[in-house]
Amino acid sequence: MAPILRRESFSLAVALLICSLAASPAAADAPTAYEMLEKYGFPKGILPEGATSYVLREDKTFEVHLGGRGDCDFAVEGGYLLNYKRKISGRLDEAAGALTELKGVSVKVLFVWFGIGEVVKGQNSLSFYVGPLSASFPLSNFEDCPRCRCGFNCSPEAAEEAAAASFADS
């Protein structure tokens, strides 16, 4: 009977260790995806609200995960429609001030969707590259995070509808 008690004690110790690591202050103090963007000089508003987790690897490749079950779509100035997949990936190029090899972000121009492959930060602007073409926008356009389904200009009614839809999706 003694070996059974030891196994139970060992199992209890392992469970307590896992719980204590999960609740450790280091995990609670980890920066958010938005804080990491700002740490590397990018405005938080290039990501929509709802980023639930991210991974930034030593080779500077990254993944960002958005909550909910569906894609995040919203319109922006100029008549463009943006689409963010639930998983966004790419590479951080600190020297160039760029996010490259992007996957999971696209823009609809007229009737066609194009993947945004790169975002480059200039002194006062962000340039978004779709193949060899680019469009630049003032950094001030990205101070706030857009909301899925209603973007940057959410009326209280639209914000409630977007929140209800996001809640229903999760």
N, C-alpha and C. Protein backbone atom coordinates (compact mmCIF):
# COMPACT_ATOMS: atom_id res chain seq x y z
N MET A 1 0.82 -1.19 0.00
CA MET A 1 0.00 0.00 0.00
C MET A 1 0.87 1.26 0.00
N ALA A 2 2.04 1.21 0.53
CA ALA A 2 2.91 2.38 0.58
C ALA A 2 3.24 2.91 -0.82
N PRO A 3 3.52 2.04 -1.84
CA PRO A 3 3.81 2.57 -3.17
C PRO A 3 2.64 3.37 -3.75
N ILE A 4 1.42 2.98 -3.44
CA ILE A 4 0.26 3.72 -3.95
C ILE A 4 0.23 5.11 -3.34
N LEU A 5 0.51 5.22 -2.07
CA LEU A 5 0.51 6.54 -1.43
C LEU A 5 1.61 7.42 -2.03
N ARG A 6 2.75 6.82 -2.31
CA ARG A 6 3.83 7.62 -2.89
C ARG A 6 3.45 8.12 -4.29
N ARG A 7 2.84 7.26 -5.09
CA ARG A 7 2.40 7.69 -6.42
C ARG A 7 1.38 8.80 -6.32
N GLU A 8 0.44 8.68 -5.38
CA GLU A 8 -0.58 9.71 -5.20
C GLU A 8 0.08 11.02 -4.74
N SER A 9 1.05 10.90 -3.83
CA SER A 9 1.76 12.09 -3.36
C SER A 9 2.53 12.75 -4.49
N PHE A 10 3.17 11.91 -5.31
CA PHE A 10 3.91 12.44 -6.45
C PHE A 10 2.95 13.14 -7.42
N SER A 11 1.82 12.52 -7.71
CA SER A 11 0.82 13.11 -8.62
C SER A 11 0.31 14.43 -8.07
N LEU A 12 0.06 14.47 -6.75
CA LEU A 12 -0.41 15.70 -6.13
C LEU A 12 0.67 16.79 -6.22
N ALA A 13 1.92 16.43 -6.00
CA ALA A 13 3.01 17.41 -6.08
C ALA A 13 3.14 17.96 -7.49
N VAL A 14 3.04 17.08 -8.49
CA VAL A 14 3.13 17.54 -9.88
C VAL A 14 1.97 18.47 -10.20
N ALA A 15 0.76 18.11 -9.78
CA ALA A 15 -0.41 18.96 -10.03
C ALA A 15 -0.25 20.33 -9.38
N LEU A 16 0.26 20.36 -8.14
CA LEU A 16 0.46 21.64 -7.46
C LEU A 16 1.53 22.47 -8.16
N LEU A 17 2.59 21.82 -8.64
CA LEU A 17 3.64 22.53 -9.36
C LEU A 17 3.10 23.14 -10.64
N ILE A 18 2.32 22.38 -11.40
CA ILE A 18 1.74 22.90 -12.65
C ILE A 18 0.82 24.07 -12.36
N CYS A 19 -0.01 23.95 -11.32
CA CYS A 19 -0.91 25.05 -10.97
C CYS A 19 -0.14 26.30 -10.56
N SER A 20 0.94 26.11 -9.80
CA SER A 20 1.70 27.28 -9.36
C SER A 20 2.42 27.95 -10.52
N LEU A 21 2.91 27.16 -11.49
CA LEU A 21 3.54 27.74 -12.66
C LEU A 21 2.53 28.49 -13.52
N ALA A 22 1.34 27.94 -13.66
CA ALA A 22 0.31 28.59 -14.47
C ALA A 22 -0.12 29.91 -13.86
N ALA A 23 -0.09 30.00 -12.54
CA ALA A 23 -0.52 31.21 -11.86
C ALA A 23 0.63 32.13 -11.49
N SER A 24 1.83 31.83 -12.01
CA SER A 24 2.99 32.62 -11.62
C SER A 24 2.88 34.05 -12.14
N PRO A 25 3.46 35.00 -11.42
CA PRO A 25 3.42 36.40 -11.85
C PRO A 25 4.06 36.61 -13.21
N ALA A 26 5.08 35.83 -13.55
CA ALA A 26 5.74 36.01 -14.85
C ALA A 26 4.74 35.80 -15.98
N ALA A 27 3.88 34.78 -15.87
CA ALA A 27 2.89 34.53 -16.91
C ALA A 27 1.86 35.65 -16.95
N ALA A 28 1.47 36.14 -15.78
CA ALA A 28 0.46 37.20 -15.73
C ALA A 28 1.02 38.53 -16.23
N ASP A 29 2.34 38.72 -16.11
CA ASP A 29 2.96 39.98 -16.51
C ASP A 29 3.47 39.97 -17.94
N ALA A 30 3.24 38.89 -18.67
CA ALA A 30 3.72 38.82 -20.05
C ALA A 30 3.04 39.91 -20.87
N PRO A 31 3.79 40.59 -21.73
CA PRO A 31 3.18 41.65 -22.54
C PRO A 31 2.16 41.09 -23.52
N THR A 32 1.19 41.90 -23.87
CA THR A 32 0.19 41.51 -24.84
C THR A 32 0.76 41.66 -26.26
N ALA A 33 0.06 41.16 -27.24
CA ALA A 33 0.48 41.32 -28.63
C ALA A 33 0.57 42.80 -28.98
N TYR A 34 -0.36 43.60 -28.44
CA TYR A 34 -0.38 45.04 -28.71
C TYR A 34 0.84 45.72 -28.10
N GLU A 35 1.21 45.33 -26.89
CA GLU A 35 2.39 45.89 -26.24
C GLU A 35 3.67 45.50 -26.98
N MET A 36 3.70 44.27 -27.51
CA MET A 36 4.87 43.85 -28.27
C MET A 36 4.99 44.64 -29.58
N LEU A 37 3.87 44.92 -30.24
CA LEU A 37 3.92 45.76 -31.44
C LEU A 37 4.56 47.10 -31.11
N GLU A 38 4.09 47.73 -30.02
CA GLU A 38 4.61 49.04 -29.63
C GLU A 38 6.08 48.96 -29.22
N LYS A 39 6.47 47.87 -28.59
CA LYS A 39 7.88 47.68 -28.21
C LYS A 39 8.79 47.74 -29.43
N TYR A 40 8.31 47.21 -30.56
CA TYR A 40 9.11 47.20 -31.78
C TYR A 40 8.78 48.35 -32.72
N GLY A 41 8.08 49.37 -32.21
CA GLY A 41 7.86 50.59 -32.98
C GLY A 41 6.63 50.63 -33.86
N PHE A 42 5.77 49.64 -33.76
CA PHE A 42 4.55 49.62 -34.57
C PHE A 42 3.36 50.03 -33.71
N PRO A 43 2.41 50.73 -34.29
CA PRO A 43 1.22 51.12 -33.51
C PRO A 43 0.30 49.91 -33.28
N LYS A 44 -0.32 49.90 -32.12
CA LYS A 44 -1.18 48.77 -31.77
C LYS A 44 -2.37 48.62 -32.71
N GLY A 45 -2.78 49.72 -33.35
CA GLY A 45 -3.96 49.71 -34.19
C GLY A 45 -3.82 48.99 -35.51
N ILE A 46 -2.67 48.37 -35.78
CA ILE A 46 -2.59 47.55 -36.99
C ILE A 46 -3.20 46.17 -36.75
N LEU A 47 -3.51 45.88 -35.49
CA LEU A 47 -4.22 44.65 -35.15
C LEU A 47 -5.62 45.00 -34.65
N PRO A 48 -6.62 44.24 -35.04
CA PRO A 48 -7.96 44.50 -34.50
C PRO A 48 -8.03 44.07 -33.04
N GLU A 49 -9.05 44.56 -32.35
CA GLU A 49 -9.30 44.12 -30.97
C GLU A 49 -9.50 42.60 -30.98
N GLY A 50 -9.14 41.98 -29.89
CA GLY A 50 -9.43 40.55 -29.75
C GLY A 50 -8.25 39.62 -29.91
N ALA A 51 -7.01 40.15 -29.96
CA ALA A 51 -5.85 39.26 -30.02
C ALA A 51 -5.76 38.53 -28.67
N THR A 52 -5.83 37.22 -28.72
CA THR A 52 -5.84 36.43 -27.48
C THR A 52 -4.47 35.89 -27.10
N SER A 53 -3.59 35.70 -28.10
CA SER A 53 -2.26 35.20 -27.79
C SER A 53 -1.33 35.48 -28.97
N TYR A 54 -0.04 35.32 -28.71
CA TYR A 54 0.96 35.48 -29.76
C TYR A 54 2.19 34.67 -29.38
N VAL A 55 3.02 34.42 -30.40
CA VAL A 55 4.31 33.78 -30.21
C VAL A 55 5.30 34.59 -31.04
N LEU A 56 6.41 35.00 -30.42
CA LEU A 56 7.50 35.63 -31.13
C LEU A 56 8.73 34.76 -30.88
N ARG A 57 9.20 34.11 -31.93
CA ARG A 57 10.30 33.16 -31.81
C ARG A 57 11.66 33.88 -31.91
N GLU A 58 12.71 33.16 -31.55
CA GLU A 58 14.06 33.74 -31.59
C GLU A 58 14.45 34.19 -32.99
N ASP A 59 13.96 33.50 -34.03
CA ASP A 59 14.28 33.89 -35.40
C ASP A 59 13.40 35.02 -35.90
N LYS A 60 12.60 35.60 -34.98
CA LYS A 60 11.72 36.75 -35.23
C LYS A 60 10.49 36.41 -36.08
N THR A 61 10.22 35.13 -36.31
CA THR A 61 8.94 34.79 -36.90
C THR A 61 7.90 34.88 -35.79
N PHE A 62 6.66 35.17 -36.17
CA PHE A 62 5.63 35.34 -35.15
C PHE A 62 4.29 34.80 -35.63
N GLU A 63 3.42 34.57 -34.67
CA GLU A 63 2.03 34.23 -34.91
C GLU A 63 1.19 35.01 -33.91
N VAL A 64 0.08 35.54 -34.37
CA VAL A 64 -0.88 36.21 -33.51
C VAL A 64 -2.21 35.50 -33.72
N HIS A 65 -2.91 35.23 -32.62
CA HIS A 65 -4.20 34.54 -32.69
C HIS A 65 -5.30 35.48 -32.22
N LEU A 66 -6.35 35.56 -33.03
CA LEU A 66 -7.53 36.36 -32.68
C LEU A 66 -8.61 35.45 -32.13
N GLY A 67 -9.39 35.97 -31.18
CA GLY A 67 -10.48 35.21 -30.61
C GLY A 67 -11.64 35.09 -31.59
N GLY A 68 -12.64 34.33 -31.20
CA GLY A 68 -13.81 34.13 -32.05
C GLY A 68 -13.61 32.96 -32.98
N ARG A 69 -14.67 32.61 -33.69
CA ARG A 69 -14.59 31.48 -34.61
C ARG A 69 -14.41 31.89 -36.06
N GLY A 70 -14.77 33.10 -36.39
CA GLY A 70 -14.69 33.51 -37.79
C GLY A 70 -13.60 34.53 -38.02
N ASP A 71 -13.45 34.90 -39.28
CA ASP A 71 -12.50 35.95 -39.65
C ASP A 71 -12.98 37.29 -39.11
N CYS A 72 -12.08 38.25 -39.09
CA CYS A 72 -12.39 39.61 -38.66
C CYS A 72 -12.37 40.50 -39.89
N ASP A 73 -13.53 41.04 -40.27
CA ASP A 73 -13.66 41.91 -41.43
C ASP A 73 -14.13 43.29 -40.99
N PHE A 74 -13.63 44.32 -41.66
CA PHE A 74 -14.13 45.68 -41.43
C PHE A 74 -13.67 46.59 -42.56
N ALA A 75 -14.44 47.65 -42.76
CA ALA A 75 -14.13 48.63 -43.80
C ALA A 75 -13.27 49.73 -43.22
N VAL A 76 -12.42 50.30 -44.07
CA VAL A 76 -11.58 51.43 -43.68
C VAL A 76 -11.73 52.52 -44.72
N GLU A 77 -11.18 53.69 -44.40
CA GLU A 77 -11.25 54.83 -45.32
C GLU A 77 -10.71 54.44 -46.69
N GLY A 78 -11.29 55.03 -47.70
CA GLY A 78 -10.86 54.74 -49.06
C GLY A 78 -11.68 53.64 -49.71
N GLY A 79 -12.65 53.10 -48.98
CA GLY A 79 -13.50 52.07 -49.54
C GLY A 79 -12.90 50.68 -49.52
N TYR A 80 -11.83 50.49 -48.76
CA TYR A 80 -11.20 49.18 -48.69
C TYR A 80 -11.88 48.33 -47.62
N LEU A 81 -11.91 47.03 -47.84
CA LEU A 81 -12.38 46.08 -46.84
C LEU A 81 -11.18 45.24 -46.42
N LEU A 82 -10.92 45.16 -45.12
CA LEU A 82 -9.81 44.36 -44.60
C LEU A 82 -10.34 43.06 -44.02
N ASN A 83 -9.52 42.02 -44.14
CA ASN A 83 -9.85 40.72 -43.57
C ASN A 83 -8.64 40.20 -42.81
N TYR A 84 -8.87 39.86 -41.55
CA TYR A 84 -7.85 39.23 -40.72
C TYR A 84 -8.32 37.82 -40.41
N LYS A 85 -7.50 36.83 -40.73
CA LYS A 85 -7.79 35.45 -40.35
C LYS A 85 -7.57 35.32 -38.85
N ARG A 86 -8.04 34.22 -38.29
CA ARG A 86 -7.85 34.01 -36.85
C ARG A 86 -6.38 33.83 -36.50
N LYS A 87 -5.56 33.38 -37.46
CA LYS A 87 -4.13 33.24 -37.24
C LYS A 87 -3.40 34.12 -38.25
N ILE A 88 -2.57 35.01 -37.74
CA ILE A 88 -1.77 35.92 -38.56
C ILE A 88 -0.31 35.57 -38.29
N SER A 89 0.47 35.44 -39.33
CA SER A 89 1.89 35.09 -39.13
C SER A 89 2.77 35.95 -40.01
N GLY A 90 4.03 35.96 -39.67
CA GLY A 90 5.00 36.74 -40.44
C GLY A 90 6.35 36.74 -39.78
N ARG A 91 7.17 37.72 -40.17
CA ARG A 91 8.52 37.86 -39.62
C ARG A 91 8.75 39.33 -39.29
N LEU A 92 9.34 39.58 -38.13
CA LEU A 92 9.72 40.92 -37.72
C LEU A 92 11.13 41.21 -38.21
N ASP A 93 11.27 42.26 -39.01
CA ASP A 93 12.58 42.70 -39.48
C ASP A 93 12.87 44.02 -38.76
N GLU A 94 13.54 43.91 -37.63
CA GLU A 94 13.80 45.10 -36.80
C GLU A 94 14.64 46.13 -37.53
N ALA A 95 15.66 45.70 -38.27
CA ALA A 95 16.55 46.63 -38.95
C ALA A 95 15.80 47.48 -39.97
N ALA A 96 14.85 46.88 -40.67
CA ALA A 96 14.10 47.60 -41.70
C ALA A 96 12.83 48.25 -41.15
N GLY A 97 12.49 47.96 -39.91
CA GLY A 97 11.24 48.47 -39.36
C GLY A 97 10.05 47.92 -40.12
N ALA A 98 10.08 46.60 -40.35
CA ALA A 98 9.06 46.00 -41.21
C ALA A 98 8.54 44.69 -40.63
N LEU A 99 7.30 44.40 -40.99
CA LEU A 99 6.70 43.09 -40.77
C LEU A 99 6.61 42.47 -42.15
N THR A 100 7.32 41.37 -42.36
CA THR A 100 7.41 40.77 -43.69
C THR A 100 6.81 39.37 -43.68
N GLU A 101 6.70 38.78 -44.87
CA GLU A 101 6.19 37.42 -45.02
C GLU A 101 4.83 37.24 -44.36
N LEU A 102 4.02 38.29 -44.39
CA LEU A 102 2.73 38.25 -43.71
C LEU A 102 1.78 37.26 -44.37
N LYS A 103 1.05 36.55 -43.55
CA LYS A 103 -0.01 35.64 -43.96
C LYS A 103 -1.20 35.90 -43.05
N GLY A 104 -2.39 35.89 -43.63
CA GLY A 104 -3.59 36.03 -42.81
C GLY A 104 -4.21 37.41 -42.80
N VAL A 105 -3.66 38.35 -43.58
CA VAL A 105 -4.23 39.69 -43.68
C VAL A 105 -4.42 40.01 -45.16
N SER A 106 -5.61 40.41 -45.53
CA SER A 106 -5.86 40.74 -46.93
C SER A 106 -6.75 41.97 -47.04
N VAL A 107 -6.72 42.56 -48.24
CA VAL A 107 -7.50 43.76 -48.52
C VAL A 107 -8.27 43.53 -49.81
N LYS A 108 -9.50 44.00 -49.83
CA LYS A 108 -10.32 43.90 -51.02
C LYS A 108 -10.27 45.23 -51.76
N VAL A 109 -9.80 45.17 -53.00
CA VAL A 109 -9.72 46.35 -53.86
C VAL A 109 -10.65 46.07 -55.04
N LEU A 110 -11.65 46.92 -55.17
CA LEU A 110 -12.72 46.71 -56.14
C LEU A 110 -13.40 45.38 -55.83
N PHE A 111 -13.18 44.36 -56.64
CA PHE A 111 -13.85 43.09 -56.41
C PHE A 111 -12.88 41.95 -56.11
N VAL A 112 -11.62 42.28 -55.89
CA VAL A 112 -10.60 41.25 -55.75
C VAL A 112 -9.88 41.38 -54.41
N TRP A 113 -9.64 40.22 -53.77
CA TRP A 113 -8.89 40.17 -52.51
C TRP A 113 -7.40 39.98 -52.81
N PHE A 114 -6.56 40.76 -52.11
CA PHE A 114 -5.10 40.66 -52.23
C PHE A 114 -4.52 40.48 -50.84
N GLY A 115 -3.52 39.60 -50.72
CA GLY A 115 -2.83 39.43 -49.45
C GLY A 115 -1.87 40.58 -49.20
N ILE A 116 -1.89 41.12 -48.00
CA ILE A 116 -0.90 42.13 -47.62
C ILE A 116 0.33 41.37 -47.16
N GLY A 117 1.42 41.53 -47.88
CA GLY A 117 2.62 40.74 -47.62
C GLY A 117 3.63 41.41 -46.71
N GLU A 118 3.54 42.75 -46.59
CA GLU A 118 4.55 43.47 -45.82
C GLU A 118 3.98 44.79 -45.33
N VAL A 119 4.41 45.18 -44.13
CA VAL A 119 4.08 46.48 -43.57
C VAL A 119 5.41 47.12 -43.16
N VAL A 120 5.67 48.34 -43.66
CA VAL A 120 6.92 49.03 -43.36
C VAL A 120 6.59 50.34 -42.64
N LYS A 121 7.27 50.55 -41.52
CA LYS A 121 7.04 51.77 -40.75
C LYS A 121 8.05 52.83 -41.17
N GLY A 122 7.51 53.97 -41.62
CA GLY A 122 8.34 55.13 -41.91
C GLY A 122 8.34 56.05 -40.70
N GLN A 123 8.88 57.23 -40.86
CA GLN A 123 8.94 58.16 -39.73
C GLN A 123 7.55 58.56 -39.24
N ASN A 124 6.64 58.83 -40.17
CA ASN A 124 5.30 59.27 -39.79
C ASN A 124 4.19 58.48 -40.47
N SER A 125 4.54 57.35 -41.10
CA SER A 125 3.52 56.62 -41.85
C SER A 125 3.79 55.11 -41.82
N LEU A 126 2.79 54.37 -42.21
CA LEU A 126 2.91 52.93 -42.43
C LEU A 126 2.61 52.68 -43.90
N SER A 127 3.44 51.87 -44.53
CA SER A 127 3.22 51.48 -45.92
C SER A 127 2.84 50.01 -45.95
N PHE A 128 1.76 49.70 -46.63
CA PHE A 128 1.25 48.34 -46.76
C PHE A 128 1.52 47.87 -48.19
N TYR A 129 2.20 46.74 -48.32
CA TYR A 129 2.59 46.24 -49.62
C TYR A 129 1.75 45.03 -50.02
N VAL A 130 1.23 45.12 -51.25
CA VAL A 130 0.53 44.02 -51.90
C VAL A 130 1.33 43.76 -53.16
N GLY A 131 2.22 42.77 -53.10
CA GLY A 131 3.14 42.58 -54.21
C GLY A 131 4.00 43.82 -54.36
N PRO A 132 4.16 44.32 -55.59
CA PRO A 132 5.00 45.51 -55.80
C PRO A 132 4.26 46.82 -55.52
N LEU A 133 2.96 46.76 -55.29
CA LEU A 133 2.16 47.96 -55.04
C LEU A 133 2.09 48.26 -53.55
N SER A 134 1.97 49.54 -53.22
CA SER A 134 1.86 49.90 -51.81
C SER A 134 0.93 51.09 -51.64
N ALA A 135 0.44 51.22 -50.43
CA ALA A 135 -0.35 52.39 -50.03
C ALA A 135 0.15 52.80 -48.66
N SER A 136 0.32 54.10 -48.44
CA SER A 136 0.83 54.61 -47.18
C SER A 136 -0.25 55.41 -46.46
N PHE A 137 -0.23 55.30 -45.13
CA PHE A 137 -1.21 55.98 -44.29
C PHE A 137 -0.50 56.57 -43.09
N PRO A 138 -0.98 57.72 -42.57
CA PRO A 138 -0.35 58.33 -41.39
C PRO A 138 -0.42 57.39 -40.17
N LEU A 139 0.64 57.41 -39.37
CA LEU A 139 0.66 56.60 -38.15
C LEU A 139 -0.52 56.92 -37.24
N SER A 140 -0.97 58.17 -37.26
CA SER A 140 -2.08 58.57 -36.40
C SER A 140 -3.37 57.80 -36.71
N ASN A 141 -3.46 57.21 -37.90
CA ASN A 141 -4.64 56.40 -38.24
C ASN A 141 -4.69 55.11 -37.44
N PHE A 142 -3.60 54.73 -36.77
CA PHE A 142 -3.51 53.44 -36.12
C PHE A 142 -3.31 53.54 -34.61
N GLU A 143 -3.75 54.66 -34.03
CA GLU A 143 -3.62 54.82 -32.59
C GLU A 143 -4.57 53.90 -31.83
N ASP A 144 -5.73 53.64 -32.41
CA ASP A 144 -6.72 52.78 -31.77
C ASP A 144 -6.87 51.51 -32.58
N CYS A 145 -7.26 50.43 -31.91
CA CYS A 145 -7.49 49.16 -32.59
C CYS A 145 -8.89 49.13 -33.18
N PRO A 146 -9.01 48.70 -34.42
CA PRO A 146 -10.35 48.57 -35.01
C PRO A 146 -11.09 47.39 -34.40
N ARG A 147 -12.39 47.43 -34.52
CA ARG A 147 -13.23 46.32 -34.06
C ARG A 147 -13.70 45.52 -35.26
N CYS A 148 -13.74 44.22 -35.07
CA CYS A 148 -14.25 43.36 -36.13
C CYS A 148 -15.68 43.77 -36.45
N ARG A 149 -15.98 43.77 -37.72
CA ARG A 149 -17.30 44.07 -38.28
C ARG A 149 -17.64 45.55 -38.33
N CYS A 150 -17.00 46.43 -37.52
CA CYS A 150 -17.35 47.85 -37.64
C CYS A 150 -16.14 48.76 -37.70
N GLY A 151 -14.94 48.26 -37.63
CA GLY A 151 -13.73 49.04 -37.87
C GLY A 151 -13.42 50.10 -36.83
N PHE A 152 -13.01 51.29 -37.30
CA PHE A 152 -12.57 52.37 -36.43
C PHE A 152 -13.72 53.28 -36.00
N ASN A 153 -14.78 53.31 -36.78
CA ASN A 153 -15.88 54.23 -36.52
C ASN A 153 -17.12 53.50 -36.05
N CYS A 154 -17.02 52.89 -34.89
CA CYS A 154 -18.14 52.12 -34.36
C CYS A 154 -19.10 53.03 -33.60
N SER A 155 -20.32 53.07 -34.05
CA SER A 155 -21.35 53.75 -33.27
C SER A 155 -21.66 52.86 -32.08
N PRO A 156 -22.29 53.36 -31.03
CA PRO A 156 -22.65 52.50 -29.90
C PRO A 156 -23.48 51.28 -30.34
N GLU A 157 -24.38 51.49 -31.30
CA GLU A 157 -25.21 50.38 -31.78
C GLU A 157 -24.36 49.35 -32.53
N ALA A 158 -23.47 49.84 -33.39
CA ALA A 158 -22.62 48.94 -34.15
C ALA A 158 -21.67 48.18 -33.22
N ALA A 159 -21.16 48.87 -32.20
CA ALA A 159 -20.27 48.22 -31.24
C ALA A 159 -21.00 47.10 -30.49
N GLU A 160 -22.24 47.35 -30.11
CA GLU A 160 -23.02 46.32 -29.43
C GLU A 160 -23.27 45.13 -30.34
N GLU A 161 -23.61 45.40 -31.60
CA GLU A 161 -23.84 44.33 -32.56
C GLU A 161 -22.57 43.52 -32.80
N ALA A 162 -21.43 44.21 -32.92
CA ALA A 162 -20.16 43.53 -33.14
C ALA A 162 -19.79 42.69 -31.93
N ALA A 163 -20.00 43.23 -30.73
CA ALA A 163 -19.70 42.48 -29.51
C ALA A 163 -20.59 41.24 -29.41
N ALA A 164 -21.87 41.40 -29.72
CA ALA A 164 -22.80 40.27 -29.66
C ALA A 164 -22.40 39.21 -30.68
N ALA A 165 -22.02 39.64 -31.88
CA ALA A 165 -21.61 38.69 -32.91
C ALA A 165 -20.33 37.98 -32.51
N SER A 166 -19.36 38.71 -31.93
CA SER A 166 -18.11 38.09 -31.49
C SER A 166 -18.37 37.11 -30.37
N PHE A 167 -19.27 37.45 -29.45
CA PHE A 167 -19.61 36.56 -28.35
C PHE A 167 -20.27 35.30 -28.90
N ALA A 168 -21.14 35.46 -29.88
CA ALA A 168 -21.82 34.31 -30.47
C ALA A 168 -20.84 33.43 -31.22
N ASP A 169 -19.77 34.03 -31.78
CA ASP A 169 -18.77 33.27 -32.53
C ASP A 169 -17.85 32.47 -31.62
N SER A 170 -17.67 32.91 -30.37
CA SER A 170 -16.68 32.22 -29.51
C SER A 170 -17.26 31.06 -28.77
